[in-house]
Protein backbone atom coordinates (compact mmCIF):
# COMPACT_ATOMS: atom_id res chain seq x y z
CA MET A 1 -38.41 41.49 -52.70
CA GLY A 2 -37.95 43.78 -55.68
CA LEU A 3 -34.82 45.05 -57.31
CA GLY A 4 -35.61 48.58 -56.10
CA LYS A 5 -35.66 47.46 -52.47
CA ILE A 6 -32.37 45.60 -52.89
CA ALA A 7 -30.72 48.61 -54.57
CA SER A 8 -32.04 50.95 -51.89
CA SER A 9 -30.78 48.71 -49.09
CA VAL A 10 -27.35 48.32 -50.69
CA GLY A 11 -27.17 52.09 -51.26
CA LYS A 12 -28.04 52.79 -47.63
CA GLY A 13 -25.44 50.24 -46.59
CA LEU A 14 -22.79 51.93 -48.74
CA VAL A 15 -23.54 55.29 -47.13
CA ALA A 16 -23.50 53.74 -43.63
CA GLY A 17 -20.25 51.89 -44.38
CA ALA A 18 -18.60 55.07 -45.66
CA ALA A 19 -19.83 57.05 -42.63
CA GLY A 20 -18.61 54.37 -40.23
CA THR A 21 -15.24 54.24 -41.96
CA ALA A 22 -14.98 58.04 -41.79
CA PHE A 23 -15.62 58.08 -38.05
CA MET A 24 -13.19 55.23 -37.44
CA THR A 25 -10.59 57.08 -39.52
CA LEU A 26 -11.17 60.26 -37.52
CA SER A 27 -10.82 58.49 -34.17
CA SER A 28 -7.69 56.56 -35.18
CA THR A 29 -6.11 59.70 -36.65
CA LEU A 30 -6.72 61.58 -33.39
CA GLU A 31 -5.27 58.67 -31.41
CA MET A 32 -2.15 58.59 -33.63
CA LYS A 33 -1.59 62.31 -33.13
CA ILE A 34 -2.06 62.07 -29.35
CA ARG A 35 0.33 59.12 -29.09
CA HIS A 36 2.75 60.46 -31.72
CA ARG A 37 2.78 57.22 -33.68
CA GLU A 38 2.77 56.33 -37.36
CA GLY A 39 -0.22 54.89 -39.17
CA SER A 40 -0.65 51.14 -39.48
CA SER A 41 0.38 49.31 -42.64
CA ALA A 42 -1.81 46.30 -41.74
CA PRO A 43 -4.52 46.98 -44.39
CA ALA A 44 -1.90 47.22 -47.16
CA ASP A 45 0.02 44.19 -45.86
CA ALA A 46 -3.07 41.96 -45.66
CA ALA A 47 -4.62 43.04 -48.97
CA GLY A 48 -1.23 42.90 -50.68
CA LYS A 49 -0.82 39.24 -49.72
CA VAL A 50 -4.33 38.32 -50.85
CA LEU A 51 -4.24 40.30 -54.11
CA GLY A 52 -0.53 39.90 -54.90
CA VAL A 53 0.06 43.66 -54.84
CA GLU A 54 3.41 45.11 -53.80
CA PRO A 55 3.53 48.92 -53.71
CA ARG A 56 6.82 50.28 -55.09
CA SER A 57 7.34 53.00 -52.50
CA GLU A 58 6.35 53.97 -48.98
CA GLU A 59 3.98 56.58 -50.42
CA GLY A 60 2.41 53.89 -52.62
CA LYS A 61 2.01 51.62 -49.60
CA LYS A 62 0.22 54.41 -47.70
CA ARG A 63 -2.05 55.08 -50.67
CA PHE A 64 -2.83 51.36 -51.11
CA SER A 65 -3.52 51.03 -47.37
CA ASN A 66 -5.94 53.96 -47.51
CA ILE A 67 -7.77 52.55 -50.55
CA THR A 68 -8.00 49.17 -48.85
CA HIS A 69 -9.27 50.70 -45.61
CA TRP A 70 -12.04 52.67 -47.32
CA GLY A 71 -12.96 49.88 -49.73
CA TYR A 72 -13.20 47.33 -46.94
CA GLY A 73 -15.33 49.51 -44.66
CA THR A 74 -17.65 50.68 -47.41
CA GLY A 75 -17.91 47.21 -48.91
CA TRP A 76 -19.02 45.68 -45.62
CA GLY A 77 -21.67 48.37 -45.40
CA ALA A 78 -23.03 47.33 -48.80
CA PHE A 79 -23.02 43.68 -47.70
CA ARG A 80 -24.90 44.61 -44.51
CA GLY A 81 -27.48 46.44 -46.62
CA LEU A 82 -27.93 43.31 -48.73
CA ILE A 83 -28.45 41.21 -45.60
CA GLY A 84 -31.01 43.76 -44.36
CA ALA A 85 -32.90 43.52 -47.65
CA ALA A 86 -33.07 39.74 -47.25
CA GLY A 87 -34.78 40.18 -43.89
């Protein structure tokens, strides 16, 4: 297994992870609008505990939650690509 194959698989995984995260974001946003509910703070709460991050404002918490959501989804895609390269 060459470095090119690994890089290609990780790249494809990143794209797939980002696409999957985008579709999940779209579906959850539609559901929130239909049900007239606020977004979840769970990503920010969980990552904040693990990383020791405490956003200073509600806007900061929303931004941190969004970064965590996209980073987590895209990161798992990269990991899946790496697993695929390993066979």
